Amino acid sequence: MKEEKVERRIIQSEYQDLKINCTLLENPDSRGLCVLFPGKGYTVDKPLLYYATRLAMQKGYNLLILSYGEFSLNERTRHAMGNLVSGVVDEVLTGEDRRGDLVFLGKSVGALFASDAAQRQNQPVRCVYLTPIDQMVDTMALQIGIINFMAFTGSEDHLLDHEKALETLGEAASRLKVYPGADHSLNAGTISESVRILSDVLEEIGRFIE
């Protein structure tokens, strides 16, 4: 995607007391849409999402970058956020755009929102879950055979019970890649190992969204 062709549009939506601000980067020659779901404190300026965003642009996708207001994570806000996100995606995916590829890419709580939103789509969607959290494991299990997804986590990420997650996913456990020694940001004990993990994740994502 050549930057000189990109058009930027801001989309705002609210439901109950939740609000989201979305930045849509559009290219007339795009192959589809990639929706970015940041973590609560992990923005698209941080390594995993910064480079994943650039990768999606290089692959020719339009980008819909979500930004949430303040919220507390509970079942009520989770349901409300699902309504918000689904409404914005439906607004963007009109007419010809629905014929393109659709990718959801989420980090942490953003991965949770991405998994919920994927359940509501009436077209095929591929999902990338970066550092998924416990609350979404059952949803991931339900998606097996229905939604194509891949996930990345670190063995030192304490927001995911790895043993339970792998058991719940069963034969699809290979979709969850666990990096030894990595934390919730997929950072490891040394800079070189952290960079190696980042490079590996991006390589895997690149193949997945090709």
C-alpha atoms as a PDB file:
ATOM      1  CA  MET A   1       0.000   0.000   0.000  1.00  0.00           C
ATOM      2  CA  LYS A   2       1.583   3.246  -1.123  1.00  0.00           C
ATOM      3  CA  GLU A   3       1.197   5.960   1.467  1.00  0.00           C
ATOM      4  CA  GLU A   4       0.482   8.700  -1.071  1.00  0.00           C
ATOM      5  CA  LYS A   5      -2.733   6.878  -2.023  1.00  0.00           C
ATOM      6  CA  VAL A   6      -3.963   6.354   1.513  1.00  0.00           C
ATOM      7  CA  GLU A   7      -7.038   8.254   2.658  1.00  0.00           C
ATOM      8  CA  ARG A   8      -7.641   8.716   6.377  1.00  0.00           C
ATOM      9  CA  ARG A   9     -11.098   8.763   7.930  1.00  0.00           C
ATOM     10  CA  ILE A  10     -12.138   8.970  11.582  1.00  0.00           C
ATOM     11  CA  ILE A  11     -15.144   6.954  12.747  1.00  0.00           C
ATOM     12  CA  GLN A  12     -16.673   7.403  16.195  1.00  0.00           C
ATOM     13  CA  SER A  13     -19.240   5.175  17.818  1.00  0.00           C
ATOM     14  CA  GLU A  14     -20.761   4.750  21.250  1.00  0.00           C
ATOM     15  CA  TYR A  15     -23.001   2.246  22.979  1.00  0.00           C
ATOM     16  CA  GLN A  16     -24.322   2.756  26.489  1.00  0.00           C
ATOM     17  CA  ASP A  17     -21.396   4.479  28.261  1.00  0.00           C
ATOM     18  CA  LEU A  18     -18.640   3.064  26.044  1.00  0.00           C
ATOM     19  CA  LYS A  19     -17.008   4.942  23.190  1.00  0.00           C
ATOM     20  CA  ILE A  20     -14.522   3.990  20.507  1.00  0.00           C
ATOM     21  CA  ASN A  21     -12.623   6.174  18.059  1.00  0.00           C
ATOM     22  CA  CYS A  22     -11.478   4.405  14.920  1.00  0.00           C
ATOM     23  CA  THR A  23      -8.977   5.465  12.294  1.00  0.00           C
ATOM     24  CA  LEU A  24      -9.636   4.034   8.842  1.00  0.00           C
ATOM     25  CA  LEU A  25      -6.776   4.065   6.353  1.00  0.00           C
ATOM     26  CA  GLU A  26      -8.112   3.301   2.881  1.00  0.00           C
ATOM     27  CA  ASN A  27      -6.443   2.552  -0.420  1.00  0.00           C
ATOM     28  CA  PRO A  28      -8.500   2.146  -3.612  1.00  0.00           C
ATOM     29  CA  ASP A  29      -6.328  -0.812  -4.622  1.00  0.00           C
ATOM     30  CA  SER A  30      -6.688  -2.695  -1.334  1.00  0.00           C
ATOM     31  CA  ARG A  31      -7.196  -6.451  -1.127  1.00  0.00           C
ATOM     32  CA  GLY A  32      -9.360  -6.287   2.003  1.00  0.00           C
ATOM     33  CA  LEU A  33      -9.559  -4.989   5.549  1.00  0.00           C
ATOM     34  CA  CYS A  34      -7.380  -5.611   8.593  1.00  0.00           C
ATOM     35  CA  VAL A  35      -8.929  -4.528  11.902  1.00  0.00           C
ATOM     36  CA  LEU A  36      -6.452  -3.714  14.697  1.00  0.00           C
ATOM     37  CA  PHE A  37      -7.614  -4.308  18.277  1.00  0.00           C
ATOM     38  CA  PRO A  38      -4.998  -2.811  20.667  1.00  0.00           C
ATOM     39  CA  GLY A  39      -4.573  -3.925  24.252  1.00  0.00           C
ATOM     40  CA  LYS A  40      -5.834  -1.752  27.081  1.00  0.00           C
ATOM     41  CA  GLY A  41      -2.384  -0.249  27.543  1.00  0.00           C
ATOM     42  CA  TYR A  42      -0.656  -1.704  24.503  1.00  0.00           C
ATOM     43  CA  THR A  43      -1.161   0.731  21.635  1.00  0.00           C
ATOM     44  CA  VAL A  44      -0.347   0.423  17.940  1.00  0.00           C
ATOM     45  CA  ASP A  45       2.842   2.398  18.623  1.00  0.00           C
ATOM     46  CA  LYS A  46       4.328  -0.536  20.552  1.00  0.00           C
ATOM     47  CA  PRO A  47       6.445  -3.167  18.759  1.00  0.00           C
ATOM     48  CA  LEU A  48       4.063  -6.086  18.180  1.00  0.00           C
ATOM     49  CA  LEU A  49       1.259  -3.926  16.787  1.00  0.00           C
ATOM     50  CA  TYR A  50       3.462  -1.286  15.149  1.00  0.00           C
ATOM     51  CA  TYR A  51       5.193  -3.817  12.934  1.00  0.00           C
ATOM     52  CA  ALA A  52       2.068  -5.934  12.434  1.00  0.00           C
ATOM     53  CA  THR A  53       0.295  -2.797  11.208  1.00  0.00           C
ATOM     54  CA  ARG A  54       3.091  -1.991   8.763  1.00  0.00           C
ATOM     55  CA  LEU A  55       3.076  -5.609   7.612  1.00  0.00           C
ATOM     56  CA  ALA A  56      -0.670  -5.533   6.902  1.00  0.00           C
ATOM     57  CA  MET A  57      -0.211  -2.311   4.915  1.00  0.00           C
ATOM     58  CA  GLN A  58       2.593  -3.902   2.877  1.00  0.00           C
ATOM     59  CA  LYS A  59       0.319  -6.860   2.161  1.00  0.00           C
ATOM     60  CA  GLY A  60      -2.226  -4.432   0.686  1.00  0.00           C
ATOM     61  CA  TYR A  61      -4.891  -4.236   3.368  1.00  0.00           C
ATOM     62  CA  ASN A  62      -6.950  -1.251   4.382  1.00  0.00           C
ATOM     63  CA  LEU A  63      -6.551  -0.675   8.121  1.00  0.00           C
ATOM     64  CA  LEU A  64      -9.201  -0.017  10.738  1.00  0.00           C
ATOM     65  CA  ILE A  65      -7.391   0.914  13.957  1.00  0.00           C
ATOM     66  CA  LEU A  66      -9.569   0.888  17.062  1.00  0.00           C
ATOM     67  CA  SER A  67      -9.039   3.122  20.094  1.00  0.00           C
ATOM     68  CA  TYR A  68     -11.100   2.550  23.231  1.00  0.00           C
ATOM     69  CA  GLY A  69     -12.079   4.978  25.920  1.00  0.00           C
ATOM     70  CA  GLU A  70     -11.753   4.127  29.593  1.00  0.00           C
ATOM     71  CA  PHE A  71     -13.499   0.901  30.605  1.00  0.00           C
ATOM     72  CA  SER A  72     -13.454  -1.863  33.187  1.00  0.00           C
ATOM     73  CA  LEU A  73     -13.421  -5.365  31.773  1.00  0.00           C
ATOM     74  CA  ASN A  74     -16.493  -7.354  32.767  1.00  0.00           C
ATOM     75  CA  GLU A  75     -19.241  -9.268  30.969  1.00  0.00           C
ATOM     76  CA  ARG A  76     -21.318  -6.120  30.476  1.00  0.00           C
ATOM     77  CA  THR A  77     -18.536  -4.104  28.846  1.00  0.00           C
ATOM     78  CA  ARG A  78     -17.420  -7.142  26.864  1.00  0.00           C
ATOM     79  CA  HIS A  79     -20.917  -7.469  25.367  1.00  0.00           C
ATOM     80  CA  ALA A  80     -21.179  -3.724  24.750  1.00  0.00           C
ATOM     81  CA  MET A  81     -17.773  -3.601  23.080  1.00  0.00           C
ATOM     82  CA  GLY A  82     -18.824  -6.464  20.811  1.00  0.00           C
ATOM     83  CA  ASN A  83     -21.814  -4.426  19.664  1.00  0.00           C
ATOM     84  CA  LEU A  84     -19.685  -1.336  19.103  1.00  0.00           C
ATOM     85  CA  VAL A  85     -16.980  -3.083  17.097  1.00  0.00           C
ATOM     86  CA  SER A  86     -19.381  -5.126  14.994  1.00  0.00           C
ATOM     87  CA  GLY A  87     -21.317  -1.980  14.109  1.00  0.00           C
ATOM     88  CA  VAL A  88     -18.209  -0.122  12.971  1.00  0.00           C
ATOM     89  CA  VAL A  89     -16.922  -3.078  10.929  1.00  0.00           C
ATOM     90  CA  ASP A  90     -20.331  -3.429   9.258  1.00  0.00           C
ATOM     91  CA  GLU A  91     -20.284   0.296   8.474  1.00  0.00           C
ATOM     92  CA  VAL A  92     -16.870   0.005   6.825  1.00  0.00           C
ATOM     93  CA  LEU A  93     -17.555  -3.233   4.991  1.00  0.00           C
ATOM     94  CA  THR A  94     -20.192  -2.068   2.545  1.00  0.00           C
ATOM     95  CA  GLY A  95     -20.686  -3.022  -1.080  1.00  0.00           C
ATOM     96  CA  GLU A  96     -17.517  -4.007  -2.883  1.00  0.00           C
ATOM     97  CA  ASP A  97     -15.461  -4.046   0.308  1.00  0.00           C
ATOM     98  CA  ARG A  98     -17.262  -7.183   1.470  1.00  0.00           C
ATOM     99  CA  ARG A  99     -15.628  -9.124  -1.352  1.00  0.00           C
ATOM    100  CA  GLY A 100     -12.137  -8.633   0.034  1.00  0.00           C
ATOM    101  CA  ASP A 101     -10.238 -10.505   2.722  1.00  0.00           C
ATOM    102  CA  LEU A 102     -11.051  -9.751   6.343  1.00  0.00           C
ATOM    103  CA  VAL A 103      -8.437 -10.043   9.098  1.00  0.00           C
ATOM    104  CA  PHE A 104      -8.812  -9.315  12.816  1.00  0.00           C
ATOM    105  CA  LEU A 105      -5.592  -8.746  14.749  1.00  0.00           C
ATOM    106  CA  GLY A 106      -5.809  -8.212  18.502  1.00  0.00           C
ATOM    107  CA  LYS A 107      -3.486  -7.879  21.474  1.00  0.00           C
ATOM    108  CA  SER A 108      -4.452  -9.062  24.995  1.00  0.00           C
ATOM    109  CA  VAL A 109      -7.909  -7.667  25.827  1.00  0.00           C
ATOM    110  CA  GLY A 110      -8.025  -6.551  22.194  1.00  0.00           C
ATOM    111  CA  ALA A 111      -7.649 -10.218  21.224  1.00  0.00           C
ATOM    112  CA  LEU A 112     -10.664 -10.937  23.426  1.00  0.00           C
ATOM    113  CA  PHE A 113     -12.693  -8.273  21.612  1.00  0.00           C
ATOM    114  CA  ALA A 114     -11.453  -9.590  18.259  1.00  0.00           C
ATOM    115  CA  SER A 115     -12.541 -13.129  19.092  1.00  0.00           C
ATOM    116  CA  ASP A 116     -15.994 -11.903  20.132  1.00  0.00           C
ATOM    117  CA  ALA A 117     -16.367  -9.752  16.994  1.00  0.00           C
ATOM    118  CA  ALA A 118     -15.314 -12.656  14.772  1.00  0.00           C
ATOM    119  CA  GLN A 119     -18.262 -14.662  16.095  1.00  0.00           C
ATOM    120  CA  ARG A 120     -20.624 -12.000  14.739  1.00  0.00           C
ATOM    121  CA  GLN A 121     -19.295 -11.838  11.184  1.00  0.00           C
ATOM    122  CA  ASN A 122     -21.284 -13.186   8.277  1.00  0.00           C
ATOM    123  CA  GLN A 123     -18.224 -13.565   6.073  1.00  0.00           C
ATOM    124  CA  PRO A 124     -14.974 -15.509   6.499  1.00  0.00           C
ATOM    125  CA  VAL A 125     -12.463 -13.857   8.832  1.00  0.00           C
ATOM    126  CA  ARG A 126      -8.921 -14.795   9.811  1.00  0.00           C
ATOM    127  CA  CYS A 127      -7.883 -13.912  13.350  1.00  0.00           C
ATOM    128  CA  VAL A 128      -4.476 -13.279  14.895  1.00  0.00           C
ATOM    129  CA  TYR A 129      -4.516 -13.327  18.691  1.00  0.00           C
ATOM    130  CA  LEU A 130      -1.413 -11.808  20.290  1.00  0.00           C
ATOM    131  CA  THR A 131      -1.089 -12.819  23.968  1.00  0.00           C
ATOM    132  CA  PRO A 132      -4.671 -14.089  24.424  1.00  0.00           C
ATOM    133  CA  ILE A 133      -6.135 -14.022  27.939  1.00  0.00           C
ATOM    134  CA  ASP A 134      -8.012 -16.619  29.986  1.00  0.00           C
ATOM    135  CA  GLN A 135     -11.455 -15.113  29.298  1.00  0.00           C
ATOM    136  CA  MET A 136     -11.271 -15.964  25.581  1.00  0.00           C
ATOM    137  CA  VAL A 137     -10.031 -19.565  25.645  1.00  0.00           C
ATOM    138  CA  ASP A 138     -13.520 -21.084  25.506  1.00  0.00           C
ATOM    139  CA  THR A 139     -14.384 -18.831  22.550  1.00  0.00           C
ATOM    140  CA  MET A 140     -11.228 -19.940  20.740  1.00  0.00           C
ATOM    141  CA  ALA A 141     -12.226 -23.569  21.277  1.00  0.00           C
ATOM    142  CA  LEU A 142     -15.672 -22.882  19.808  1.00  0.00           C
ATOM    143  CA  GLN A 143     -14.061 -21.310  16.737  1.00  0.00           C
ATOM    144  CA  ILE A 144     -12.153 -24.465  15.772  1.00  0.00           C
ATOM    145  CA  GLY A 145     -13.350 -25.567  12.342  1.00  0.00           C
ATOM    146  CA  ILE A 146     -15.366 -22.360  11.902  1.00  0.00           C
ATOM    147  CA  ILE A 147     -12.902 -19.473  12.122  1.00  0.00           C
ATOM    148  CA  ASN A 148      -9.285 -19.670  11.018  1.00  0.00           C
ATOM    149  CA  PHE A 149      -7.088 -18.305  13.807  1.00  0.00           C
ATOM    150  CA  MET A 150      -3.567 -18.391  15.195  1.00  0.00           C
ATOM    151  CA  ALA A 151      -2.322 -17.218  18.591  1.00  0.00           C
ATOM    152  CA  PHE A 152       0.990 -16.312  20.228  1.00  0.00           C
ATOM    153  CA  THR A 153       1.838 -16.265  23.918  1.00  0.00           C
ATOM    154  CA  GLY A 154       4.817 -16.367  26.266  1.00  0.00           C
ATOM    155  CA  SER A 155       5.411 -19.018  28.914  1.00  0.00           C
ATOM    156  CA  GLU A 156       5.779 -16.241  31.521  1.00  0.00           C
ATOM    157  CA  ASP A 157       2.513 -14.532  30.576  1.00  0.00           C
ATOM    158  CA  HIS A 158       0.443 -14.867  33.746  1.00  0.00           C
ATOM    159  CA  LEU A 159      -2.784 -13.660  32.107  1.00  0.00           C
ATOM    160  CA  LEU A 160      -3.163 -17.037  30.419  1.00  0.00           C
ATOM    161  CA  ASP A 161      -3.291 -20.482  32.005  1.00  0.00           C
ATOM    162  CA  HIS A 162      -1.267 -22.226  29.319  1.00  0.00           C
ATOM    163  CA  GLU A 163      -1.912 -25.767  30.496  1.00  0.00           C
ATOM    164  CA  LYS A 164      -5.672 -25.231  30.589  1.00  0.00           C
ATOM    165  CA  ALA A 165      -5.656 -23.394  27.245  1.00  0.00           C
ATOM    166  CA  LEU A 166      -3.750 -26.168  25.455  1.00  0.00           C
ATOM    167  CA  GLU A 167      -6.015 -28.793  27.006  1.00  0.00           C
ATOM    168  CA  THR A 168      -9.154 -26.873  25.998  1.00  0.00           C
ATOM    169  CA  LEU A 169      -7.938 -26.437  22.410  1.00  0.00           C
ATOM    170  CA  GLY A 170      -7.225 -30.164  22.152  1.00  0.00           C
ATOM    171  CA  GLU A 171      -6.125 -31.202  18.670  1.00  0.00           C
ATOM    172  CA  ALA A 172      -5.987 -27.523  17.680  1.00  0.00           C
ATOM    173  CA  ALA A 173      -3.409 -26.732  20.389  1.00  0.00           C
ATOM    174  CA  SER A 174      -0.771 -26.204  17.686  1.00  0.00           C
ATOM    175  CA  ARG A 175      -2.565 -22.946  16.812  1.00  0.00           C
ATOM    176  CA  LEU A 176      -1.288 -21.490  20.097  1.00  0.00           C
ATOM    177  CA  LYS A 177       2.457 -20.911  19.868  1.00  0.00           C
ATOM    178  CA  VAL A 178       4.189 -20.561  23.241  1.00  0.00           C
ATOM    179  CA  TYR A 179       7.553 -18.789  23.422  1.00  0.00           C
ATOM    180  CA  PRO A 180       9.659 -19.980  26.381  1.00  0.00           C
ATOM    181  CA  GLY A 181      10.671 -17.203  28.761  1.00  0.00           C
ATOM    182  CA  ALA A 182       8.522 -14.512  27.107  1.00  0.00           C
ATOM    183  CA  ASP A 183       6.111 -12.290  29.044  1.00  0.00           C
ATOM    184  CA  HIS A 184       2.774 -10.651  28.214  1.00  0.00           C
ATOM    185  CA  SER A 185       4.465  -8.340  25.694  1.00  0.00           C
ATOM    186  CA  LEU A 186       6.421 -11.290  24.243  1.00  0.00           C
ATOM    187  CA  ASN A 187       9.602  -9.768  25.638  1.00  0.00           C
ATOM    188  CA  ALA A 188      12.228 -12.232  26.807  1.00  0.00           C
ATOM    189  CA  GLY A 189      15.266 -11.997  29.078  1.00  0.00           C
ATOM    190  CA  THR A 190      17.547 -10.441  26.472  1.00  0.00           C
ATOM    191  CA  ILE A 191      17.083  -7.901  23.715  1.00  0.00           C
ATOM    192  CA  SER A 192      18.322 -10.310  21.064  1.00  0.00           C
ATOM    193  CA  GLU A 193      15.821 -12.994  22.124  1.00  0.00           C
ATOM    194  CA  SER A 194      12.988 -10.446  22.229  1.00  0.00           C
ATOM    195  CA  VAL A 195      13.842  -9.296  18.699  1.00  0.00           C
ATOM    196  CA  ARG A 196      14.037 -12.914  17.519  1.00  0.00           C
ATOM    197  CA  ILE A 197      10.557 -13.606  18.905  1.00  0.00           C
ATOM    198  CA  LEU A 198       9.167 -10.441  17.303  1.00  0.00           C
ATOM    199  CA  SER A 199      10.683 -11.438  13.964  1.00  0.00           C
ATOM    200  CA  ASP A 200       9.246 -14.948  14.226  1.00  0.00           C
ATOM    201  CA  VAL A 201       5.771 -13.660  15.090  1.00  0.00           C
ATOM    202  CA  LEU A 202       5.794 -11.258  12.129  1.00  0.00           C
ATOM    203  CA  GLU A 203       6.965 -13.998   9.781  1.00  0.00           C
ATOM    204  CA  GLU A 204       4.124 -16.264  10.952  1.00  0.00           C
ATOM    205  CA  ILE A 205       1.559 -13.459  10.604  1.00  0.00           C
ATOM    206  CA  GLY A 206       2.852 -12.584   7.140  1.00  0.00           C
ATOM    207  CA  ARG A 207       2.251 -16.126   5.914  1.00  0.00           C
ATOM    208  CA  PHE A 208      -1.141 -16.276   7.612  1.00  0.00           C
ATOM    209  CA  ILE A 209      -2.560 -13.100   6.036  1.00  0.00           C
ATOM    210  CA  GLU A 210      -0.936 -13.547   2.599  1.00  0.00           C
END
